[in-house]
Amino acid sequence: MSNGFRDLFKEESERLYEIFGPELIHIHHIGSTSVNGLKAKPVIDIMPVVRDIKRIDVFNEAMAASGYEPKGENGLAGRRYFQKGGDNRTHHVHIYQLGNPEIERHLAFRDYLRVNPDIAKRYGNLKEELSIRFPYDIESYIKGKEQIVLEIEQKAWDWYRNAR
């Protein structure tokens, strides 16, 4: 991950610690900007881990005051999702309660790409190709990378379980 992305993640993490305080257990940098050398849109994906996901909705106003749009679960049960930057998104915050299996899934994917630069390069090249082919069609972009994501996730899970 470039120093710029790392700095943006650190800066935003500090803001989230101020908002959520003792509710937070940890904050992880996930997504493409968390993997050094991986081609990525300049959107910082942040995954806070909290004690009680049900308490997070009380922070919607504070998050909105920091420029975030609260999106609730946004299609994933047990998650709270926030976007910053409007149409030119800059940050995505994916909040999960400690013990949610999505936490390990994200960390396994990230860490696997970090130690397998050849796979990260292949993934990044496909994402770049798809973003050129579908610049305004997010559904086709997501569908286009679905197969490689599933492949990487499976390899990442196997690797992650054995690495611990």
N, C-alpha and C. Protein backbone atom coordinates (compact mmCIF):
# COMPACT_ATOMS: atom_id res chain seq x y z
N MET A 1 0.86 -1.17 0.00
CA MET A 1 0.00 0.00 0.00
C MET A 1 0.90 1.22 0.00
N SER A 2 0.53 2.21 -0.75
CA SER A 2 1.36 3.40 -0.81
C SER A 2 1.26 4.17 0.51
N ASN A 3 2.30 4.95 0.78
CA ASN A 3 2.28 5.75 2.01
C ASN A 3 1.09 6.68 2.05
N GLY A 4 0.67 7.19 0.89
CA GLY A 4 -0.48 8.09 0.85
C GLY A 4 -1.74 7.41 1.35
N PHE A 5 -1.98 6.18 0.89
CA PHE A 5 -3.16 5.44 1.35
C PHE A 5 -3.03 5.11 2.83
N ARG A 6 -1.84 4.73 3.25
CA ARG A 6 -1.63 4.41 4.66
C ARG A 6 -1.90 5.63 5.53
N ASP A 7 -1.43 6.79 5.08
CA ASP A 7 -1.65 8.03 5.84
C ASP A 7 -3.14 8.39 5.89
N LEU A 8 -3.84 8.22 4.76
CA LEU A 8 -5.27 8.51 4.73
C LEU A 8 -6.03 7.56 5.65
N PHE A 9 -5.63 6.30 5.65
CA PHE A 9 -6.25 5.32 6.54
C PHE A 9 -6.02 5.71 8.01
N LYS A 10 -4.78 6.04 8.35
CA LYS A 10 -4.44 6.40 9.73
C LYS A 10 -5.24 7.63 10.18
N GLU A 11 -5.29 8.62 9.32
CA GLU A 11 -6.02 9.86 9.64
C GLU A 11 -7.51 9.57 9.88
N GLU A 12 -8.10 8.75 9.02
CA GLU A 12 -9.52 8.46 9.16
C GLU A 12 -9.78 7.56 10.36
N SER A 13 -8.85 6.66 10.65
CA SER A 13 -8.98 5.79 11.83
C SER A 13 -9.04 6.62 13.10
N GLU A 14 -8.18 7.62 13.18
CA GLU A 14 -8.19 8.49 14.35
C GLU A 14 -9.54 9.19 14.51
N ARG A 15 -10.12 9.62 13.39
CA ARG A 15 -11.44 10.26 13.42
C ARG A 15 -12.50 9.27 13.91
N LEU A 16 -12.42 8.02 13.45
CA LEU A 16 -13.39 7.01 13.86
C LEU A 16 -13.24 6.67 15.34
N TYR A 17 -11.99 6.63 15.85
CA TYR A 17 -11.79 6.39 17.28
C TYR A 17 -12.42 7.51 18.10
N GLU A 18 -12.33 8.75 17.59
CA GLU A 18 -12.97 9.87 18.30
C GLU A 18 -14.48 9.72 18.33
N ILE A 19 -15.06 9.25 17.23
CA ILE A 19 -16.52 9.12 17.15
C ILE A 19 -17.02 7.95 17.99
N PHE A 20 -16.43 6.77 17.80
CA PHE A 20 -16.96 5.55 18.42
C PHE A 20 -16.37 5.22 19.78
N GLY A 21 -15.21 5.79 20.09
CA GLY A 21 -14.59 5.60 21.40
C GLY A 21 -14.50 4.15 21.84
N PRO A 22 -14.98 3.88 23.06
CA PRO A 22 -14.81 2.54 23.65
C PRO A 22 -15.61 1.43 22.95
N GLU A 23 -16.49 1.78 22.02
CA GLU A 23 -17.20 0.74 21.26
C GLU A 23 -16.23 -0.03 20.36
N LEU A 24 -15.14 0.64 19.95
CA LEU A 24 -14.18 0.04 19.02
C LEU A 24 -13.21 -0.90 19.71
N ILE A 25 -12.98 -2.04 19.08
CA ILE A 25 -11.96 -2.97 19.54
C ILE A 25 -10.71 -2.81 18.68
N HIS A 26 -10.92 -2.69 17.37
CA HIS A 26 -9.80 -2.56 16.44
C HIS A 26 -10.31 -1.96 15.13
N ILE A 27 -9.40 -1.37 14.36
CA ILE A 27 -9.75 -0.87 13.03
C ILE A 27 -8.72 -1.44 12.05
N HIS A 28 -9.22 -2.07 10.98
CA HIS A 28 -8.36 -2.66 9.95
C HIS A 28 -8.49 -1.90 8.64
N HIS A 29 -7.38 -1.78 7.95
CA HIS A 29 -7.38 -1.25 6.58
C HIS A 29 -7.56 -2.45 5.67
N ILE A 30 -8.63 -2.46 4.87
CA ILE A 30 -8.91 -3.57 3.97
C ILE A 30 -9.08 -3.01 2.56
N GLY A 31 -9.43 -3.87 1.63
CA GLY A 31 -9.65 -3.42 0.26
C GLY A 31 -8.35 -3.23 -0.48
N SER A 32 -8.47 -2.84 -1.73
CA SER A 32 -7.31 -2.77 -2.61
C SER A 32 -6.24 -1.78 -2.16
N THR A 33 -6.63 -0.68 -1.53
CA THR A 33 -5.61 0.30 -1.10
C THR A 33 -4.78 -0.21 0.07
N SER A 34 -5.16 -1.35 0.66
CA SER A 34 -4.40 -1.91 1.79
C SER A 34 -3.32 -2.88 1.32
N VAL A 35 -3.24 -3.13 0.00
CA VAL A 35 -2.27 -4.09 -0.55
C VAL A 35 -1.27 -3.32 -1.41
N ASN A 36 -0.03 -3.34 -0.98
CA ASN A 36 1.04 -2.61 -1.67
C ASN A 36 1.13 -3.06 -3.12
N GLY A 37 1.08 -2.09 -4.05
CA GLY A 37 1.25 -2.39 -5.46
C GLY A 37 -0.01 -2.82 -6.19
N LEU A 38 -1.10 -3.03 -5.48
CA LEU A 38 -2.34 -3.45 -6.14
C LEU A 38 -3.03 -2.23 -6.76
N LYS A 39 -3.36 -2.34 -8.03
CA LYS A 39 -4.07 -1.24 -8.69
C LYS A 39 -5.41 -1.05 -7.99
N ALA A 40 -5.71 0.21 -7.69
CA ALA A 40 -6.91 0.48 -6.89
C ALA A 40 -7.49 1.84 -7.20
N LYS A 41 -8.82 1.92 -7.09
CA LYS A 41 -9.46 3.23 -7.09
C LYS A 41 -9.04 3.88 -5.77
N PRO A 42 -8.92 5.19 -5.74
CA PRO A 42 -8.47 5.84 -4.50
C PRO A 42 -9.58 5.92 -3.44
N VAL A 43 -10.12 4.76 -3.07
CA VAL A 43 -11.14 4.68 -2.04
C VAL A 43 -10.57 3.86 -0.88
N ILE A 44 -10.57 4.42 0.30
CA ILE A 44 -10.03 3.75 1.47
C ILE A 44 -11.15 2.93 2.11
N ASP A 45 -10.94 1.61 2.18
CA ASP A 45 -11.89 0.72 2.85
C ASP A 45 -11.39 0.47 4.27
N ILE A 46 -12.27 0.73 5.22
CA ILE A 46 -11.92 0.63 6.63
C ILE A 46 -12.89 -0.34 7.30
N MET A 47 -12.34 -1.23 8.13
CA MET A 47 -13.20 -2.20 8.81
C MET A 47 -13.00 -2.11 10.33
N PRO A 48 -13.82 -1.30 10.99
CA PRO A 48 -13.81 -1.30 12.44
C PRO A 48 -14.49 -2.56 12.99
N VAL A 49 -13.94 -3.07 14.08
CA VAL A 49 -14.54 -4.20 14.80
C VAL A 49 -15.03 -3.64 16.12
N VAL A 50 -16.30 -3.93 16.42
CA VAL A 50 -16.93 -3.34 17.61
C VAL A 50 -17.45 -4.42 18.55
N ARG A 51 -17.76 -3.99 19.76
CA ARG A 51 -18.28 -4.91 20.79
C ARG A 51 -19.73 -5.31 20.51
N ASP A 52 -20.56 -4.33 20.09
CA ASP A 52 -21.99 -4.59 19.90
C ASP A 52 -22.49 -3.82 18.69
N ILE A 53 -22.78 -4.53 17.61
CA ILE A 53 -23.19 -3.89 16.36
C ILE A 53 -24.49 -3.10 16.53
N LYS A 54 -25.34 -3.53 17.45
CA LYS A 54 -26.63 -2.85 17.65
C LYS A 54 -26.45 -1.43 18.20
N ARG A 55 -25.32 -1.17 18.82
CA ARG A 55 -25.08 0.17 19.38
C ARG A 55 -24.59 1.18 18.33
N ILE A 56 -24.22 0.70 17.17
CA ILE A 56 -23.58 1.57 16.19
C ILE A 56 -24.54 2.60 15.59
N ASP A 57 -25.80 2.25 15.46
CA ASP A 57 -26.76 3.18 14.85
C ASP A 57 -26.88 4.50 15.62
N VAL A 58 -26.57 4.50 16.90
CA VAL A 58 -26.66 5.75 17.66
C VAL A 58 -25.58 6.76 17.24
N PHE A 59 -24.60 6.29 16.46
CA PHE A 59 -23.52 7.17 16.00
C PHE A 59 -23.76 7.72 14.60
N ASN A 60 -24.93 7.44 14.01
CA ASN A 60 -25.19 7.88 12.64
C ASN A 60 -25.06 9.40 12.48
N GLU A 61 -25.57 10.14 13.47
CA GLU A 61 -25.51 11.60 13.40
C GLU A 61 -24.06 12.10 13.44
N ALA A 62 -23.26 11.52 14.31
CA ALA A 62 -21.84 11.91 14.41
C ALA A 62 -21.10 11.55 13.12
N MET A 63 -21.43 10.41 12.54
CA MET A 63 -20.79 10.02 11.29
C MET A 63 -21.21 10.98 10.17
N ALA A 64 -22.48 11.35 10.13
CA ALA A 64 -22.96 12.30 9.12
C ALA A 64 -22.25 13.65 9.27
N ALA A 65 -22.02 14.06 10.50
CA ALA A 65 -21.31 15.32 10.75
C ALA A 65 -19.86 15.26 10.27
N SER A 66 -19.31 14.04 10.15
CA SER A 66 -17.95 13.85 9.62
C SER A 66 -17.94 13.58 8.12
N GLY A 67 -19.10 13.73 7.48
CA GLY A 67 -19.17 13.59 6.04
C GLY A 67 -19.60 12.23 5.53
N TYR A 68 -19.98 11.34 6.43
CA TYR A 68 -20.39 9.99 6.03
C TYR A 68 -21.89 9.89 5.85
N GLU A 69 -22.27 9.07 4.88
CA GLU A 69 -23.68 8.76 4.68
C GLU A 69 -23.94 7.39 5.30
N PRO A 70 -24.78 7.33 6.34
CA PRO A 70 -25.11 6.04 6.95
C PRO A 70 -25.99 5.22 6.00
N LYS A 71 -25.61 3.96 5.77
CA LYS A 71 -26.35 3.10 4.84
C LYS A 71 -26.93 1.87 5.53
N GLY A 72 -26.87 1.81 6.86
CA GLY A 72 -27.38 0.65 7.58
C GLY A 72 -26.59 -0.60 7.22
N GLU A 73 -27.28 -1.71 7.10
CA GLU A 73 -26.61 -2.97 6.74
C GLU A 73 -26.20 -2.98 5.27
N ASN A 74 -26.88 -2.23 4.44
CA ASN A 74 -26.59 -2.13 3.02
C ASN A 74 -26.43 -3.50 2.34
N GLY A 75 -27.36 -4.39 2.66
CA GLY A 75 -27.38 -5.69 2.00
C GLY A 75 -26.65 -6.81 2.70
N LEU A 76 -25.92 -6.52 3.76
CA LEU A 76 -25.21 -7.57 4.49
C LEU A 76 -25.64 -7.55 5.96
N ALA A 77 -26.39 -8.55 6.35
CA ALA A 77 -26.86 -8.64 7.74
C ALA A 77 -25.66 -8.65 8.69
N GLY A 78 -25.79 -7.91 9.78
CA GLY A 78 -24.73 -7.89 10.79
C GLY A 78 -23.64 -6.87 10.51
N ARG A 79 -23.80 -6.06 9.48
CA ARG A 79 -22.81 -5.04 9.15
C ARG A 79 -23.47 -3.67 9.25
N ARG A 80 -22.67 -2.65 9.53
CA ARG A 80 -23.10 -1.27 9.38
C ARG A 80 -22.13 -0.66 8.38
N TYR A 81 -22.69 0.05 7.40
CA TYR A 81 -21.89 0.55 6.29
C TYR A 81 -22.07 2.06 6.15
N PHE A 82 -20.97 2.76 5.91
CA PHE A 82 -20.98 4.20 5.74
C PHE A 82 -20.12 4.54 4.52
N GLN A 83 -20.56 5.54 3.75
CA GLN A 83 -19.80 6.03 2.60
C GLN A 83 -19.51 7.51 2.80
N LYS A 84 -18.32 7.90 2.35
CA LYS A 84 -17.93 9.30 2.42
C LYS A 84 -17.52 9.76 1.02
N GLY A 85 -17.89 10.97 0.67
CA GLY A 85 -17.45 11.54 -0.59
C GLY A 85 -18.52 11.64 -1.66
N GLY A 86 -19.75 11.26 -1.35
CA GLY A 86 -20.84 11.37 -2.32
C GLY A 86 -20.56 10.54 -3.57
N ASP A 87 -20.77 11.15 -4.75
CA ASP A 87 -20.54 10.44 -6.01
C ASP A 87 -19.07 10.15 -6.25
N ASN A 88 -18.20 10.94 -5.66
CA ASN A 88 -16.75 10.71 -5.75
C ASN A 88 -16.26 10.13 -4.43
N ARG A 89 -16.73 8.92 -4.14
CA ARG A 89 -16.45 8.32 -2.83
C ARG A 89 -14.95 8.30 -2.52
N THR A 90 -14.66 8.56 -1.25
CA THR A 90 -13.28 8.54 -0.79
C THR A 90 -13.05 7.46 0.27
N HIS A 91 -14.11 7.13 1.03
CA HIS A 91 -13.98 6.16 2.12
C HIS A 91 -15.23 5.29 2.20
N HIS A 92 -14.99 4.02 2.50
CA HIS A 92 -16.06 3.08 2.83
C HIS A 92 -15.74 2.53 4.22
N VAL A 93 -16.71 2.53 5.10
CA VAL A 93 -16.51 1.98 6.44
C VAL A 93 -17.48 0.81 6.60
N HIS A 94 -16.89 -0.37 6.84
CA HIS A 94 -17.65 -1.62 7.01
C HIS A 94 -17.47 -2.04 8.46
N ILE A 95 -18.49 -1.89 9.29
CA ILE A 95 -18.36 -2.18 10.71
C ILE A 95 -18.99 -3.55 11.01
N TYR A 96 -18.22 -4.38 11.73
CA TYR A 96 -18.70 -5.70 12.14
C TYR A 96 -18.49 -5.89 13.63
N GLN A 97 -19.34 -6.70 14.22
CA GLN A 97 -19.19 -7.07 15.63
C GLN A 97 -18.15 -8.17 15.74
N LEU A 98 -17.36 -8.11 16.80
CA LEU A 98 -16.34 -9.13 17.07
C LEU A 98 -16.98 -10.52 16.94
N GLY A 99 -16.32 -11.40 16.21
CA GLY A 99 -16.81 -12.75 16.01
C GLY A 99 -17.53 -12.96 14.69
N ASN A 100 -17.88 -11.89 13.99
CA ASN A 100 -18.53 -12.02 12.69
C ASN A 100 -17.52 -12.64 11.71
N PRO A 101 -17.90 -13.70 10.98
CA PRO A 101 -16.97 -14.36 10.06
C PRO A 101 -16.50 -13.47 8.91
N GLU A 102 -17.23 -12.40 8.62
CA GLU A 102 -16.80 -11.48 7.55
C GLU A 102 -15.46 -10.82 7.88
N ILE A 103 -15.17 -10.66 9.15
CA ILE A 103 -13.91 -10.04 9.56
C ILE A 103 -12.75 -10.89 9.05
N GLU A 104 -12.77 -12.17 9.36
CA GLU A 104 -11.68 -13.06 8.92
C GLU A 104 -11.64 -13.18 7.41
N ARG A 105 -12.79 -13.17 6.75
CA ARG A 105 -12.82 -13.26 5.29
C ARG A 105 -12.07 -12.08 4.68
N HIS A 106 -12.36 -10.89 5.16
CA HIS A 106 -11.66 -9.70 4.64
C HIS A 106 -10.17 -9.74 4.94
N LEU A 107 -9.81 -10.12 6.16
CA LEU A 107 -8.39 -10.16 6.53
C LEU A 107 -7.63 -11.23 5.77
N ALA A 108 -8.26 -12.39 5.56
CA ALA A 108 -7.61 -13.47 4.81
C ALA A 108 -7.34 -13.01 3.38
N PHE A 109 -8.33 -12.40 2.74
CA PHE A 109 -8.19 -11.92 1.37
C PHE A 109 -7.06 -10.90 1.27
N ARG A 110 -7.09 -9.91 2.16
CA ARG A 110 -6.05 -8.87 2.16
C ARG A 110 -4.67 -9.46 2.38
N ASP A 111 -4.53 -10.27 3.42
CA ASP A 111 -3.21 -10.80 3.76
C ASP A 111 -2.67 -11.74 2.71
N TYR A 112 -3.55 -12.52 2.09
CA TYR A 112 -3.14 -13.42 1.01
C TYR A 112 -2.59 -12.62 -0.17
N LEU A 113 -3.27 -11.55 -0.54
CA LEU A 113 -2.77 -10.72 -1.63
C LEU A 113 -1.46 -10.04 -1.26
N ARG A 114 -1.29 -9.69 -0.01
CA ARG A 114 -0.05 -9.04 0.43
C ARG A 114 1.15 -9.97 0.27
N VAL A 115 0.96 -11.26 0.47
CA VAL A 115 2.10 -12.19 0.39
C VAL A 115 2.17 -12.90 -0.97
N ASN A 116 1.26 -12.61 -1.86
CA ASN A 116 1.25 -13.20 -3.21
C ASN A 116 1.12 -12.09 -4.25
N PRO A 117 2.21 -11.34 -4.47
CA PRO A 117 2.14 -10.19 -5.38
C PRO A 117 1.77 -10.57 -6.81
N ASP A 118 2.09 -11.78 -7.24
CA ASP A 118 1.73 -12.19 -8.60
C ASP A 118 0.20 -12.30 -8.75
N ILE A 119 -0.45 -12.83 -7.73
CA ILE A 119 -1.92 -12.94 -7.75
C ILE A 119 -2.54 -11.55 -7.61
N ALA A 120 -1.95 -10.72 -6.77
CA ALA A 120 -2.44 -9.35 -6.62
C ALA A 120 -2.33 -8.59 -7.95
N LYS A 121 -1.25 -8.81 -8.67
CA LYS A 121 -1.06 -8.15 -9.96
C LYS A 121 -2.12 -8.62 -10.96
N ARG A 122 -2.37 -9.93 -11.01
CA ARG A 122 -3.38 -10.47 -11.92
C ARG A 122 -4.77 -9.87 -11.59
N TYR A 123 -5.07 -9.83 -10.30
CA TYR A 123 -6.34 -9.27 -9.84
C TYR A 123 -6.43 -7.78 -10.20
N GLY A 124 -5.38 -7.04 -9.95
CA GLY A 124 -5.36 -5.61 -10.25
C GLY A 124 -5.50 -5.33 -11.74
N ASN A 125 -4.85 -6.15 -12.57
CA ASN A 125 -4.95 -5.97 -14.02
C ASN A 125 -6.38 -6.19 -14.50
N LEU A 126 -7.04 -7.22 -13.95
CA LEU A 126 -8.42 -7.48 -14.33
C LEU A 126 -9.32 -6.32 -13.90
N LYS A 127 -9.12 -5.83 -12.68
CA LYS A 127 -9.93 -4.70 -12.20
C LYS A 127 -9.75 -3.47 -13.09
N GLU A 128 -8.51 -3.23 -13.50
CA GLU A 128 -8.23 -2.09 -14.37
C GLU A 128 -8.94 -2.27 -15.73
N GLU A 129 -8.83 -3.48 -16.29
CA GLU A 129 -9.48 -3.76 -17.57
C GLU A 129 -11.00 -3.58 -17.46
N LEU A 130 -11.58 -4.07 -16.38
CA LEU A 130 -13.02 -3.94 -16.19
C LEU A 130 -13.44 -2.49 -16.00
N SER A 131 -12.62 -1.71 -15.29
CA SER A 131 -12.98 -0.30 -15.06
C SER A 131 -12.93 0.49 -16.36
N ILE A 132 -12.08 0.07 -17.29
CA ILE A 132 -12.03 0.73 -18.61
C ILE A 132 -13.23 0.29 -19.45
N ARG A 133 -13.55 -1.01 -19.39
CA ARG A 133 -14.67 -1.54 -20.16
C ARG A 133 -16.03 -1.07 -19.65
N PHE A 134 -16.14 -0.92 -18.32
CA PHE A 134 -17.42 -0.56 -17.71
C PHE A 134 -17.28 0.66 -16.80
N PRO A 135 -16.91 1.80 -17.35
CA PRO A 135 -16.65 2.95 -16.48
C PRO A 135 -17.86 3.46 -15.70
N TYR A 136 -19.07 3.21 -16.22
CA TYR A 136 -20.27 3.72 -15.55
C TYR A 136 -21.24 2.61 -15.20
N ASP A 137 -20.77 1.37 -15.23
CA ASP A 137 -21.64 0.22 -14.99
C ASP A 137 -21.05 -0.64 -13.87
N ILE A 138 -21.32 -0.25 -12.61
CA ILE A 138 -20.73 -0.94 -11.46
C ILE A 138 -21.16 -2.40 -11.38
N GLU A 139 -22.38 -2.68 -11.81
CA GLU A 139 -22.88 -4.07 -11.77
C GLU A 139 -22.03 -4.98 -12.66
N SER A 140 -21.73 -4.52 -13.89
CA SER A 140 -20.91 -5.32 -14.81
C SER A 140 -19.48 -5.43 -14.30
N TYR A 141 -18.98 -4.36 -13.71
CA TYR A 141 -17.63 -4.38 -13.13
C TYR A 141 -17.55 -5.45 -12.04
N ILE A 142 -18.51 -5.46 -11.14
CA ILE A 142 -18.53 -6.43 -10.04
C ILE A 142 -18.69 -7.85 -10.59
N LYS A 143 -19.59 -8.02 -11.53
CA LYS A 143 -19.81 -9.34 -12.13
C LYS A 143 -18.55 -9.84 -12.83
N GLY A 144 -17.84 -8.93 -13.48
CA GLY A 144 -16.62 -9.28 -14.21
C GLY A 144 -15.49 -9.78 -13.34
N LYS A 145 -15.46 -9.34 -12.09
CA LYS A 145 -14.38 -9.78 -11.21
C LYS A 145 -14.82 -10.88 -10.23
N GLU A 146 -16.09 -11.26 -10.32
CA GLU A 146 -16.66 -12.22 -9.39
C GLU A 146 -15.89 -13.55 -9.34
N GLN A 147 -15.56 -14.12 -10.51
CA GLN A 147 -14.90 -15.42 -10.56
C GLN A 147 -13.51 -15.38 -9.92
N ILE A 148 -12.72 -14.36 -10.25
CA ILE A 148 -11.37 -14.30 -9.68
C ILE A 148 -11.43 -14.05 -8.17
N VAL A 149 -12.41 -13.28 -7.73
CA VAL A 149 -12.57 -13.02 -6.30
C VAL A 149 -12.87 -14.33 -5.57
N LEU A 150 -13.78 -15.12 -6.13
CA LEU A 150 -14.10 -16.42 -5.51
C LEU A 150 -12.88 -17.34 -5.46
N GLU A 151 -12.10 -17.36 -6.55
CA GLU A 151 -10.87 -18.18 -6.58
C GLU A 151 -9.89 -17.72 -5.50
N ILE A 152 -9.67 -16.43 -5.45
CA ILE A 152 -8.72 -15.88 -4.46
C ILE A 152 -9.23 -16.13 -3.05
N GLU A 153 -10.52 -15.93 -2.82
CA GLU A 153 -11.08 -16.16 -1.49
C GLU A 153 -10.85 -17.59 -1.02
N GLN A 154 -11.06 -18.55 -1.91
CA GLN A 154 -10.87 -19.96 -1.52
C GLN A 154 -9.41 -20.23 -1.17
N LYS A 155 -8.49 -19.76 -2.01
CA LYS A 155 -7.07 -19.94 -1.74
C LYS A 155 -6.66 -19.20 -0.46
N ALA A 156 -7.23 -18.01 -0.30
CA ALA A 156 -6.91 -17.20 0.87
C ALA A 156 -7.37 -17.88 2.15
N TRP A 157 -8.58 -18.45 2.14
CA TRP A 157 -9.10 -19.16 3.31
C TRP A 157 -8.18 -20.32 3.67
N ASP A 158 -7.82 -21.14 2.68
CA ASP A 158 -6.94 -22.28 2.94
C ASP A 158 -5.61 -21.80 3.52
N TRP A 159 -5.02 -20.79 2.89
CA TRP A 159 -3.75 -20.25 3.34
C TRP A 159 -3.88 -19.67 4.76
N TYR A 160 -4.92 -18.90 5.01
CA TYR A 160 -5.12 -18.22 6.28
C TYR A 160 -5.27 -19.21 7.43
N ARG A 161 -6.04 -20.26 7.19
CA ARG A 161 -6.24 -21.27 8.23
C ARG A 161 -4.94 -21.99 8.56
N ASN A 162 -4.14 -22.25 7.54
CA ASN A 162 -2.87 -22.95 7.76
C ASN A 162 -1.78 -22.04 8.30
N ALA A 163 -1.90 -20.75 8.05
CA ALA A 163 -0.88 -19.80 8.48
C ALA A 163 -0.98 -19.45 9.96
N ARG A 164 -2.14 -19.76 10.56
CA ARG A 164 -2.33 -19.36 11.97
C ARG A 164 -1.95 -20.44 12.93
